[in-house]
Every structure is written in structure tokens, then in C-alpha cells.
Amino acid sequence: AVATWNEFLFALILLSSDANKTLPVGLLNFQGQFSNN
């Protein structure tokens, strides 16, 4: 469960729409091109 919950690479490569993203991929929303929250 921990490995599945934290998996990032496959989710990043295989998922493209916001409606299907998992938690680790959603954390990328905090990083922008010019600034980081």
C-alpha cells in the first residue's frame, strides 16, 4: 500500500488528464516555471 500510494514515475508517464492523476503527480502543481510554492 505504501509503495502504491507513493508511486510517481508510472503515474507521471501513463496519466495525462487532471481527472486521473494520483497524489504524487498532483504535488507537481506546486511547482511553476518561474516560482515554487
Full PDB file with SEQRES, HELIX, SHEET, SSBOND, CRYST1, ORIGX, SCALE, CONECT and MASTER records, all heavy atoms in Angstrom:
SEQRES   1 A   37  ALA VAL ALA THR TRP ASN GLU PHE LEU PHE ALA LEU ILE          
SEQRES   2 A   37  LEU LEU SER SER ASP ALA ASN LYS THR LEU PRO VAL GLY          
SEQRES   3 A   37  LEU LEU ASN PHE GLN GLY GLN PHE SER ASN ASN                  
HELIX    1 AA1 VAL A    2  ASN A    6  1                                   5    
HELIX    2 AA2 LEU A    9  LEU A   14  1                                   6    
HELIX    3 AA3 ASP A   18  ASN A   20  5                                   3    
HELIX    4 AA4 LEU A   23  GLY A   26  1                                   4    
HELIX    5 AA5 LEU A   27  PHE A   30  5                                   4    
CRYST1    1.000    1.000    1.000  90.00  90.00  90.00 P 1           1          
ORIGX1      1.000000  0.000000  0.000000        0.00000                         
ORIGX2      0.000000  1.000000  0.000000        0.00000                         
ORIGX3      0.000000  0.000000  1.000000        0.00000                         
SCALE1      1.000000  0.000000  0.000000        0.00000                         
SCALE2      0.000000  1.000000  0.000000        0.00000                         
SCALE3      0.000000  0.000000  1.000000        0.00000                         
ATOM      1  N   ALA A   1       0.829  -1.207   0.000  1.00  0.00           N  
ATOM      2  CA  ALA A   1       0.000   0.000   0.000  1.00  0.00           C  
ATOM      3  C   ALA A   1       0.864   1.258   0.000  1.00  0.00           C  
ATOM      4  O   ALA A   1       0.560   2.234  -0.699  1.00  0.00           O  
ATOM      5  CB  ALA A   1      -0.928  -0.010   1.209  1.00  0.00           C  
ATOM      6  N   VAL A   2       1.935   1.253   0.780  1.00  0.00           N  
ATOM      7  CA  VAL A   2       2.835   2.407   0.806  1.00  0.00           C  
ATOM      8  C   VAL A   2       3.472   2.622  -0.561  1.00  0.00           C  
ATOM      9  O   VAL A   2       3.544   3.753  -1.063  1.00  0.00           O  
ATOM     10  CB  VAL A   2       3.910   2.216   1.889  1.00  0.00           C  
ATOM     11  CG1 VAL A   2       4.969   3.308   1.795  1.00  0.00           C  
ATOM     12  CG2 VAL A   2       3.286   2.222   3.277  1.00  0.00           C  
ATOM     13  N   ALA A   3       3.946   1.538  -1.171  1.00  0.00           N  
ATOM     14  CA  ALA A   3       4.577   1.654  -2.489  1.00  0.00           C  
ATOM     15  C   ALA A   3       3.581   2.148  -3.536  1.00  0.00           C  
ATOM     16  O   ALA A   3       3.921   2.978  -4.391  1.00  0.00           O  
ATOM     17  CB  ALA A   3       5.161   0.307  -2.895  1.00  0.00           C  
ATOM     18  N   THR A   4       2.351   1.656  -3.481  1.00  0.00           N  
ATOM     19  CA  THR A   4       1.329   2.082  -4.437  1.00  0.00           C  
ATOM     20  C   THR A   4       0.926   3.535  -4.213  1.00  0.00           C  
ATOM     21  O   THR A   4       0.754   4.307  -5.162  1.00  0.00           O  
ATOM     22  CB  THR A   4       0.087   1.174  -4.310  1.00  0.00           C  
ATOM     23  OG1 THR A   4       0.469  -0.190  -4.531  1.00  0.00           O  
ATOM     24  CG2 THR A   4      -0.977   1.567  -5.322  1.00  0.00           C  
ATOM     25  N   TRP A   5       0.780   3.918  -2.950  1.00  0.00           N  
ATOM     26  CA  TRP A   5       0.373   5.285  -2.621  1.00  0.00           C  
ATOM     27  C   TRP A   5       1.424   6.305  -3.045  1.00  0.00           C  
ATOM     28  O   TRP A   5       1.085   7.417  -3.471  1.00  0.00           O  
ATOM     29  CB  TRP A   5       0.123   5.373  -1.116  1.00  0.00           C  
ATOM     30  CG  TRP A   5      -0.522   6.632  -0.642  1.00  0.00           C  
ATOM     31  CD1 TRP A   5       0.102   7.737  -0.146  1.00  0.00           C  
ATOM     32  CD2 TRP A   5      -1.929   6.926  -0.601  1.00  0.00           C  
ATOM     33  NE1 TRP A   5      -0.819   8.702   0.213  1.00  0.00           N  
ATOM     34  CE2 TRP A   5      -2.074   8.219  -0.068  1.00  0.00           C  
ATOM     35  CE3 TRP A   5      -3.062   6.213  -0.956  1.00  0.00           C  
ATOM     36  CZ2 TRP A   5      -3.321   8.809   0.116  1.00  0.00           C  
ATOM     37  CZ3 TRP A   5      -4.301   6.807  -0.780  1.00  0.00           C  
ATOM     38  CH2 TRP A   5      -4.416   8.084  -0.254  1.00  0.00           C  
ATOM     39  N   ASN A   6       2.700   5.934  -2.958  1.00  0.00           N  
ATOM     40  CA  ASN A   6       3.792   6.877  -3.238  1.00  0.00           C  
ATOM     41  C   ASN A   6       4.354   6.769  -4.647  1.00  0.00           C  
ATOM     42  O   ASN A   6       5.247   7.558  -4.992  1.00  0.00           O  
ATOM     43  CB  ASN A   6       4.933   6.664  -2.244  1.00  0.00           C  
ATOM     44  CG  ASN A   6       4.537   6.997  -0.819  1.00  0.00           C  
ATOM     45  OD1 ASN A   6       3.654   7.829  -0.586  1.00  0.00           O  
ATOM     46  ND2 ASN A   6       5.178   6.343   0.142  1.00  0.00           N  
ATOM     47  N   GLU A   7       3.893   5.810  -5.446  1.00  0.00           N  
ATOM     48  CA  GLU A   7       4.477   5.616  -6.773  1.00  0.00           C  
ATOM     49  C   GLU A   7       4.267   6.842  -7.644  1.00  0.00           C  
ATOM     50  O   GLU A   7       3.159   7.389  -7.732  1.00  0.00           O  
ATOM     51  CB  GLU A   7       3.849   4.384  -7.442  1.00  0.00           C  
ATOM     52  CG  GLU A   7       4.704   3.788  -8.539  1.00  0.00           C  
ATOM     53  CD  GLU A   7       4.707   4.595  -9.825  1.00  0.00           C  
ATOM     54  OE1 GLU A   7       3.633   5.144 -10.173  1.00  0.00           O  
ATOM     55  OE2 GLU A   7       5.753   4.682 -10.481  1.00  0.00           O  
ATOM     56  N   PHE A   8       5.329   7.262  -8.314  1.00  0.00           N  
ATOM     57  CA  PHE A   8       5.283   8.524  -9.056  1.00  0.00           C  
ATOM     58  C   PHE A   8       5.570   8.354 -10.545  1.00  0.00           C  
ATOM     59  O   PHE A   8       4.878   8.937 -11.377  1.00  0.00           O  
ATOM     60  CB  PHE A   8       6.290   9.496  -8.459  1.00  0.00           C  
ATOM     61  CG  PHE A   8       6.450  10.771  -9.226  1.00  0.00           C  
ATOM     62  CD1 PHE A   8       5.469  11.749  -9.184  1.00  0.00           C  
ATOM     63  CD2 PHE A   8       7.574  10.998  -9.995  1.00  0.00           C  
ATOM     64  CE1 PHE A   8       5.603  12.930  -9.895  1.00  0.00           C  
ATOM     65  CE2 PHE A   8       7.727  12.176 -10.718  1.00  0.00           C  
ATOM     66  CZ  PHE A   8       6.732  13.143 -10.662  1.00  0.00           C  
ATOM     67  N   LEU A   9       6.581   7.558 -10.902  1.00  0.00           N  
ATOM     68  CA  LEU A   9       7.067   7.548 -12.283  1.00  0.00           C  
ATOM     69  C   LEU A   9       6.028   6.998 -13.253  1.00  0.00           C  
ATOM     70  O   LEU A   9       5.729   7.632 -14.277  1.00  0.00           O  
ATOM     71  CB  LEU A   9       8.365   6.743 -12.371  1.00  0.00           C  
ATOM     72  CG  LEU A   9       9.070   6.780 -13.732  1.00  0.00           C  
ATOM     73  CD1 LEU A   9       9.391   8.222 -14.118  1.00  0.00           C  
ATOM     74  CD2 LEU A   9      10.333   5.937 -13.702  1.00  0.00           C  
ATOM     75  N   PHE A  10       5.485   5.821 -12.978  1.00  0.00           N  
ATOM     76  CA  PHE A  10       4.469   5.255 -13.872  1.00  0.00           C  
ATOM     77  C   PHE A  10       3.247   6.162 -13.954  1.00  0.00           C  
ATOM     78  O   PHE A  10       2.680   6.355 -15.038  1.00  0.00           O  
ATOM     79  CB  PHE A  10       4.044   3.866 -13.376  1.00  0.00           C  
ATOM     80  CG  PHE A  10       4.915   2.761 -13.882  1.00  0.00           C  
ATOM     81  CD1 PHE A  10       5.402   1.803 -13.019  1.00  0.00           C  
ATOM     82  CD2 PHE A  10       5.266   2.666 -15.217  1.00  0.00           C  
ATOM     83  CE1 PHE A  10       6.215   0.779 -13.468  1.00  0.00           C  
ATOM     84  CE2 PHE A  10       6.079   1.654 -15.688  1.00  0.00           C  
ATOM     85  CZ  PHE A  10       6.553   0.704 -14.805  1.00  0.00           C  
ATOM     86  N   ALA A  11       2.822   6.718 -12.828  1.00  0.00           N  
ATOM     87  CA  ALA A  11       1.660   7.608 -12.840  1.00  0.00           C  
ATOM     88  C   ALA A  11       1.933   8.863 -13.663  1.00  0.00           C  
ATOM     89  O   ALA A  11       1.054   9.357 -14.370  1.00  0.00           O  
ATOM     90  CB  ALA A  11       1.283   7.984 -11.406  1.00  0.00           C  
ATOM     91  N   LEU A  12       3.165   9.375 -13.587  1.00  0.00           N  
ATOM     92  CA  LEU A  12       3.513  10.566 -14.355  1.00  0.00           C  
ATOM     93  C   LEU A  12       3.531  10.288 -15.853  1.00  0.00           C  
ATOM     94  O   LEU A  12       3.066  11.105 -16.656  1.00  0.00           O  
ATOM     95  CB  LEU A  12       4.876  11.079 -13.904  1.00  0.00           C  
ATOM     96  CG  LEU A  12       5.434  12.292 -14.660  1.00  0.00           C  
ATOM     97  CD1 LEU A  12       4.563  13.515 -14.446  1.00  0.00           C  
ATOM     98  CD2 LEU A  12       6.872  12.572 -14.226  1.00  0.00           C  
ATOM     99  N   ILE A  13       4.050   9.129 -16.249  1.00  0.00           N  
ATOM    100  CA  ILE A  13       4.190   8.805 -17.670  1.00  0.00           C  
ATOM    101  C   ILE A  13       2.865   8.359 -18.285  1.00  0.00           C  
ATOM    102  O   ILE A  13       2.546   8.728 -19.426  1.00  0.00           O  
ATOM    103  CB  ILE A  13       5.266   7.712 -17.852  1.00  0.00           C  
ATOM    104  CG1 ILE A  13       6.616   8.204 -17.334  1.00  0.00           C  
ATOM    105  CG2 ILE A  13       5.380   7.301 -19.315  1.00  0.00           C  
ATOM    106  CD1 ILE A  13       7.156   9.424 -18.031  1.00  0.00           C  
ATOM    107  N   LEU A  14       2.088   7.572 -17.540  1.00  0.00           N  
ATOM    108  CA  LEU A  14       0.900   6.951 -18.123  1.00  0.00           C  
ATOM    109  C   LEU A  14      -0.368   7.773 -17.952  1.00  0.00           C  
ATOM    110  O   LEU A  14      -1.355   7.510 -18.640  1.00  0.00           O  
ATOM    111  CB  LEU A  14       0.686   5.561 -17.498  1.00  0.00           C  
ATOM    112  CG  LEU A  14       1.816   4.552 -17.736  1.00  0.00           C  
ATOM    113  CD1 LEU A  14       1.503   3.235 -17.030  1.00  0.00           C  
ATOM    114  CD2 LEU A  14       2.029   4.318 -19.223  1.00  0.00           C  
ATOM    115  N   LEU A  15      -0.365   8.736 -17.036  1.00  0.00           N  
ATOM    116  CA  LEU A  15      -1.557   9.560 -16.818  1.00  0.00           C  
ATOM    117  C   LEU A  15      -1.324  10.963 -17.360  1.00  0.00           C  
ATOM    118  O   LEU A  15      -0.270  11.543 -17.120  1.00  0.00           O  
ATOM    119  CB  LEU A  15      -1.900   9.627 -15.324  1.00  0.00           C  
ATOM    120  CG  LEU A  15      -2.162   8.287 -14.625  1.00  0.00           C  
ATOM    121  CD1 LEU A  15      -2.416   8.504 -13.150  1.00  0.00           C  
ATOM    122  CD2 LEU A  15      -3.337   7.551 -15.268  1.00  0.00           C  
ATOM    123  N   SER A  16      -2.311  11.512 -18.053  1.00  0.00           N  
ATOM    124  CA  SER A  16      -2.151  12.832 -18.654  1.00  0.00           C  
ATOM    125  C   SER A  16      -3.223  13.827 -18.210  1.00  0.00           C  
ATOM    126  O   SER A  16      -2.930  15.012 -18.034  1.00  0.00           O  
ATOM    127  CB  SER A  16      -2.165  12.717 -20.186  1.00  0.00           C  
ATOM    128  OG  SER A  16      -3.351  12.076 -20.637  1.00  0.00           O  
ATOM    129  N   SER A  17      -4.458  13.391 -18.002  1.00  0.00           N  
ATOM    130  CA  SER A  17      -5.533  14.315 -17.650  1.00  0.00           C  
ATOM    131  C   SER A  17      -5.566  14.537 -16.141  1.00  0.00           C  
ATOM    132  O   SER A  17      -5.207  13.658 -15.351  1.00  0.00           O  
ATOM    133  CB  SER A  17      -6.877  13.765 -18.129  1.00  0.00           C  
ATOM    134  OG  SER A  17      -7.174  12.536 -17.495  1.00  0.00           O  
ATOM    135  N   ASP A  18      -6.004  15.731 -15.751  1.00  0.00           N  
ATOM    136  CA  ASP A  18      -6.092  16.064 -14.327  1.00  0.00           C  
ATOM    137  C   ASP A  18      -7.098  15.186 -13.590  1.00  0.00           C  
ATOM    138  O   ASP A  18      -6.948  14.946 -12.388  1.00  0.00           O  
ATOM    139  CB  ASP A  18      -6.486  17.540 -14.162  1.00  0.00           C  
ATOM    140  CG  ASP A  18      -5.386  18.478 -14.630  1.00  0.00           C  
ATOM    141  OD1 ASP A  18      -4.214  18.045 -14.653  1.00  0.00           O  
ATOM    142  OD2 ASP A  18      -5.697  19.630 -14.976  1.00  0.00           O  
ATOM    143  N   ALA A  19      -8.093  14.700 -14.289  1.00  0.00           N  
ATOM    144  CA  ALA A  19      -9.129  13.896 -13.642  1.00  0.00           C  
ATOM    145  C   ALA A  19      -8.633  12.522 -13.227  1.00  0.00           C  
ATOM    146  O   ALA A  19      -9.260  11.856 -12.400  1.00  0.00           O  
ATOM    147  CB  ALA A  19     -10.333  13.734 -14.576  1.00  0.00           C  
ATOM    148  N   ASN A  20      -7.490  12.072 -13.778  1.00  0.00           N  
ATOM    149  CA  ASN A  20      -6.979  10.734 -13.483  1.00  0.00           C  
ATOM    150  C   ASN A  20      -5.666  10.747 -12.706  1.00  0.00           C  
ATOM    151  O   ASN A  20      -5.114   9.677 -12.436  1.00  0.00           O  
ATOM    152  CB  ASN A  20      -6.774   9.947 -14.785  1.00  0.00           C  
ATOM    153  CG  ASN A  20      -8.083   9.618 -15.474  1.00  0.00           C  
ATOM    154  OD1 ASN A  20      -9.073   9.290 -14.828  1.00  0.00           O  
ATOM    155  ND2 ASN A  20      -8.108   9.728 -16.788  1.00  0.00           N  
ATOM    156  N   LYS A  21      -5.169  11.901 -12.335  1.00  0.00           N  
ATOM    157  CA  LYS A  21      -3.875  11.956 -11.659  1.00  0.00           C  
ATOM    158  C   LYS A  21      -3.980  11.443 -10.233  1.00  0.00           C  
ATOM    159  O   LYS A  21      -5.006  11.583  -9.572  1.00  0.00           O  
ATOM    160  CB  LYS A  21      -3.351  13.397 -11.660  1.00  0.00           C  
ATOM    161  CG  LYS A  21      -2.892  13.879 -13.022  1.00  0.00           C  
ATOM    162  CD  LYS A  21      -2.336  15.288 -12.954  1.00  0.00           C  
ATOM    163  CE  LYS A  21      -1.842  15.744 -14.335  1.00  0.00           C  
ATOM    164  NZ  LYS A  21      -1.309  17.130 -14.292  1.00  0.00           N  
ATOM    165  N   THR A  22      -2.874  10.858  -9.765  1.00  0.00           N  
ATOM    166  CA  THR A  22      -2.800  10.374  -8.389  1.00  0.00           C  
ATOM    167  C   THR A  22      -2.108  11.418  -7.514  1.00  0.00           C  
ATOM    168  O   THR A  22      -1.645  12.451  -7.994  1.00  0.00           O  
ATOM    169  CB  THR A  22      -2.025   9.047  -8.335  1.00  0.00           C  
ATOM    170  OG1 THR A  22      -0.714   9.232  -8.893  1.00  0.00           O  
ATOM    171  CG2 THR A  22      -2.749   7.961  -9.128  1.00  0.00           C  
ATOM    172  N   LEU A  23      -2.024  11.133  -6.221  1.00  0.00           N  
ATOM    173  CA  LEU A  23      -1.480  12.102  -5.260  1.00  0.00           C  
ATOM    174  C   LEU A  23      -0.069  12.570  -5.591  1.00  0.00           C  
ATOM    175  O   LEU A  23       0.195  13.776  -5.601  1.00  0.00           O  
ATOM    176  CB  LEU A  23      -1.519  11.504  -3.852  1.00  0.00           C  
ATOM    177  CG  LEU A  23      -2.768  11.777  -3.020  1.00  0.00           C  
ATOM    178  CD1 LEU A  23      -2.695  11.011  -1.713  1.00  0.00           C  
ATOM    179  CD2 LEU A  23      -2.905  13.262  -2.741  1.00  0.00           C  
ATOM    180  N   PRO A  24       0.901  11.673  -5.832  1.00  0.00           N  
ATOM    181  CA  PRO A  24       2.259  12.166  -6.120  1.00  0.00           C  
ATOM    182  C   PRO A  24       2.323  13.075  -7.337  1.00  0.00           C  
ATOM    183  O   PRO A  24       3.075  14.049  -7.347  1.00  0.00           O  
ATOM    184  CB  PRO A  24       3.055  10.870  -6.333  1.00  0.00           C  
ATOM    185  CG  PRO A  24       2.290   9.830  -5.592  1.00  0.00           C  
ATOM    186  CD  PRO A  24       0.859  10.204  -5.754  1.00  0.00           C  
ATOM    187  N   VAL A  25       1.522  12.770  -8.376  1.00  0.00           N  
ATOM    188  CA  VAL A  25       1.530  13.618  -9.574  1.00  0.00           C  
ATOM    189  C   VAL A  25       0.849  14.940  -9.272  1.00  0.00           C  
ATOM    190  O   VAL A  25       1.253  15.991  -9.794  1.00  0.00           O  
ATOM    191  CB  VAL A  25       0.828  12.891 -10.740  1.00  0.00           C  
ATOM    192  CG1 VAL A  25       0.851  13.755 -12.005  1.00  0.00           C  
ATOM    193  CG2 VAL A  25       1.509  11.555 -11.011  1.00  0.00           C  
ATOM    194  N   GLY A  26      -0.159  14.945  -8.422  1.00  0.00           N  
ATOM    195  CA  GLY A  26      -0.827  16.183  -8.060  1.00  0.00           C  
ATOM    196  C   GLY A  26       0.078  17.166  -7.344  1.00  0.00           C  
ATOM    197  O   GLY A  26      -0.143  18.381  -7.402  1.00  0.00           O  
ATOM    198  N   LEU A  27       1.102  16.668  -6.665  1.00  0.00           N  
ATOM    199  CA  LEU A  27       2.034  17.555  -5.972  1.00  0.00           C  
ATOM    200  C   LEU A  27       2.865  18.393  -6.939  1.00  0.00           C  
ATOM    201  O   LEU A  27       3.464  19.397  -6.532  1.00  0.00           O  
ATOM    202  CB  LEU A  27       2.965  16.736  -5.075  1.00  0.00           C  
ATOM    203  CG  LEU A  27       2.296  16.041  -3.877  1.00  0.00           C  
ATOM    204  CD1 LEU A  27       3.304  15.178  -3.133  1.00  0.00           C  
ATOM    205  CD2 LEU A  27       1.681  17.069  -2.927  1.00  0.00           C  
ATOM    206  N   LEU A  28       2.909  18.010  -8.209  1.00  0.00           N  
ATOM    207  CA  LEU A  28       3.638  18.813  -9.193  1.00  0.00           C  
ATOM    208  C   LEU A  28       2.973  20.153  -9.444  1.00  0.00           C  
ATOM    209  O   LEU A  28       3.605  21.064  -9.998  1.00  0.00           O  
ATOM    210  CB  LEU A  28       3.757  18.044 -10.518  1.00  0.00           C  
ATOM    211  CG  LEU A  28       4.652  16.799 -10.519  1.00  0.00           C  
ATOM    212  CD1 LEU A  28       4.620  16.125 -11.888  1.00  0.00           C  
ATOM    213  CD2 LEU A  28       6.085  17.157 -10.147  1.00  0.00           C  
ATOM    214  N   ASN A  29       1.720  20.299  -9.053  1.00  0.00           N  
ATOM    215  CA  ASN A  29       1.021  21.558  -9.265  1.00  0.00           C  
ATOM    216  C   ASN A  29       1.620  22.700  -8.442  1.00  0.00           C  
ATOM    217  O   ASN A  29       1.343  23.869  -8.713  1.00  0.00           O  
ATOM    218  CB  ASN A  29      -0.464  21.413  -8.913  1.00  0.00           C  
ATOM    219  CG  ASN A  29      -1.190  20.462  -9.858  1.00  0.00           C  
ATOM    220  OD1 ASN A  29      -0.769  20.242 -10.986  1.00  0.00           O  
ATOM    221  ND2 ASN A  29      -2.284  19.885  -9.387  1.00  0.00           N  
ATOM    222  N   PHE A  30       2.417  22.379  -7.444  1.00  0.00           N  
ATOM    223  CA  PHE A  30       3.014  23.412  -6.602  1.00  0.00           C  
ATOM    224  C   PHE A  30       4.289  23.987  -7.217  1.00  0.00           C  
ATOM    225  O   PHE A  30       4.858  24.932  -6.682  1.00  0.00           O  
ATOM    226  CB  PHE A  30       3.337  22.850  -5.220  1.00  0.00           C  
ATOM    227  CG  PHE A  30       2.118  22.457  -4.441  1.00  0.00           C  
ATOM    228  CD1 PHE A  30       1.644  21.165  -4.471  1.00  0.00           C  
ATOM    229  CD2 PHE A  30       1.432  23.394  -3.686  1.00  0.00           C  
ATOM    230  CE1 PHE A  30       0.521  20.790  -3.756  1.00  0.00           C  
ATOM    231  CE2 PHE A  30       0.303  23.041  -2.967  1.00  0.00           C  
ATOM    232  CZ  PHE A  30      -0.156  21.736  -3.007  1.00  0.00           C  
ATOM    233  N   GLN A  31       4.755  23.412  -8.310  1.00  0.00           N  
ATOM    234  CA  GLN A  31       5.967  23.891  -8.968  1.00  0.00           C  
ATOM    235  C   GLN A  31       5.601  24.547 -10.286  1.00  0.00           C  
ATOM    236  O   GLN A  31       4.988  23.924 -11.150  1.00  0.00           O  
ATOM    237  CB  GLN A  31       6.949  22.743  -9.207  1.00  0.00           C  
ATOM    238  CG  GLN A  31       7.470  22.111  -7.912  1.00  0.00           C  
ATOM    239  CD  GLN A  31       8.496  21.034  -8.174  1.00  0.00           C  
ATOM    240  OE1 GLN A  31       8.670  20.595  -9.299  1.00  0.00           O  
ATOM    241  NE2 GLN A  31       9.195  20.629  -7.131  1.00  0.00           N  
ATOM    242  N   GLY A  32       5.981  25.803 -10.429  1.00  0.00           N  
ATOM    243  CA  GLY A  32       5.739  26.537 -11.658  1.00  0.00           C  
ATOM    244  C   GLY A  32       7.017  26.753 -12.435  1.00  0.00           C  
ATOM    245  O   GLY A  32       8.103  26.323 -12.041  1.00  0.00           O  
ATOM    246  N   GLN A  33       6.893  27.460 -13.555  1.00  0.00           N  
ATOM    247  CA  GLN A  33       8.055  27.703 -14.399  1.00  0.00           C  
ATOM    248  C   GLN A  33       8.999  28.718 -13.786  1.00  0.00           C  
ATOM    249  O   GLN A  33      10.222  28.628 -13.936  1.00  0.00           O  
ATOM    250  CB  GLN A  33       7.600  28.191 -15.784  1.00  0.00           C  
ATOM    251  CG  GLN A  33       8.748  28.407 -16.766  1.00  0.00           C  
ATOM    252  CD  GLN A  33       8.248  28.828 -18.133  1.00  0.00           C  
ATOM    253  OE1 GLN A  33       7.049  28.985 -18.339  1.00  0.00           O  
ATOM    254  NE2 GLN A  33       9.165  29.010 -19.065  1.00  0.00           N  
ATOM    255  N   PHE A  34       8.476  29.678 -13.042  1.00  0.00           N  
ATOM    256  CA  PHE A  34       9.309  30.745 -12.515  1.00  0.00           C  
ATOM    257  C   PHE A  34       9.348  30.786 -10.985  1.00  0.00           C  
ATOM    258  O   PHE A  34      10.165  31.485 -10.410  1.00  0.00           O  
ATOM    259  CB  PHE A  34       8.800  32.105 -13.032  1.00  0.00           C  
ATOM    260  CG  PHE A  34       8.791  32.204 -14.531  1.00  0.00           C  
ATOM    261  CD1 PHE A  34       7.606  32.102 -15.231  1.00  0.00           C  
ATOM    262  CD2 PHE A  34       9.977  32.387 -15.232  1.00  0.00           C  
ATOM    263  CE1 PHE A  34       7.591  32.198 -16.610  1.00  0.00           C  
ATOM    264  CE2 PHE A  34       9.968  32.477 -16.615  1.00  0.00           C  
ATOM    265  CZ  PHE A  34       8.783  32.380 -17.314  1.00  0.00           C  
ATOM    266  N   SER A  35       8.472  30.086 -10.309  1.00  0.00           N  
ATOM    267  CA  SER A  35       8.459  30.124  -8.847  1.00  0.00           C  
ATOM    268  C   SER A  35       7.891  28.822  -8.312  1.00  0.00           C  
ATOM    269  O   SER A  35       7.172  28.093  -9.013  1.00  0.00           O  
ATOM    270  CB  SER A  35       7.621  31.304  -8.337  1.00  0.00           C  
ATOM    271  OG  SER A  35       6.272  31.162  -8.748  1.00  0.00           O  
ATOM    272  N   ASN A  36       8.234  28.534  -7.047  1.00  0.00           N  
ATOM    273  CA  ASN A  36       7.744  27.341  -6.373  1.00  0.00           C  
ATOM    274  C   ASN A  36       7.025  27.739  -5.095  1.00  0.00           C  
ATOM    275  O   ASN A  36       7.515  28.576  -4.337  1.00  0.00           O  
ATOM    276  CB  ASN A  36       8.908  26.396  -6.030  1.00  0.00           C  
ATOM    277  CG  ASN A  36       9.619  25.886  -7.270  1.00  0.00           C  
ATOM    278  OD1 ASN A  36       9.004  25.721  -8.320  1.00  0.00           O  
ATOM    279  ND2 ASN A  36      10.903  25.626  -7.155  1.00  0.00           N  
ATOM    280  N   ASN A  37       5.879  27.128  -4.858  1.00  0.00           N  
ATOM    281  CA  ASN A  37       5.137  27.346  -3.634  1.00  0.00           C  
ATOM    282  C   ASN A  37       5.625  26.333  -2.599  1.00  0.00           C  
ATOM    283  O   ASN A  37       5.020  25.281  -2.397  1.00  0.00           O  
ATOM    284  CB  ASN A  37       3.637  27.195  -3.899  1.00  0.00           C  
ATOM    285  CG  ASN A  37       2.792  27.571  -2.697  1.00  0.00           C  
ATOM    286  OD1 ASN A  37       3.317  27.838  -1.609  1.00  0.00           O  
ATOM    287  ND2 ASN A  37       1.483  27.599  -2.882  1.00  0.00           N  
TER     288      ASN A  37                                                      
MASTER        0    0    0    5    0    0    0    6  287    1    0    3          
END                                                                             
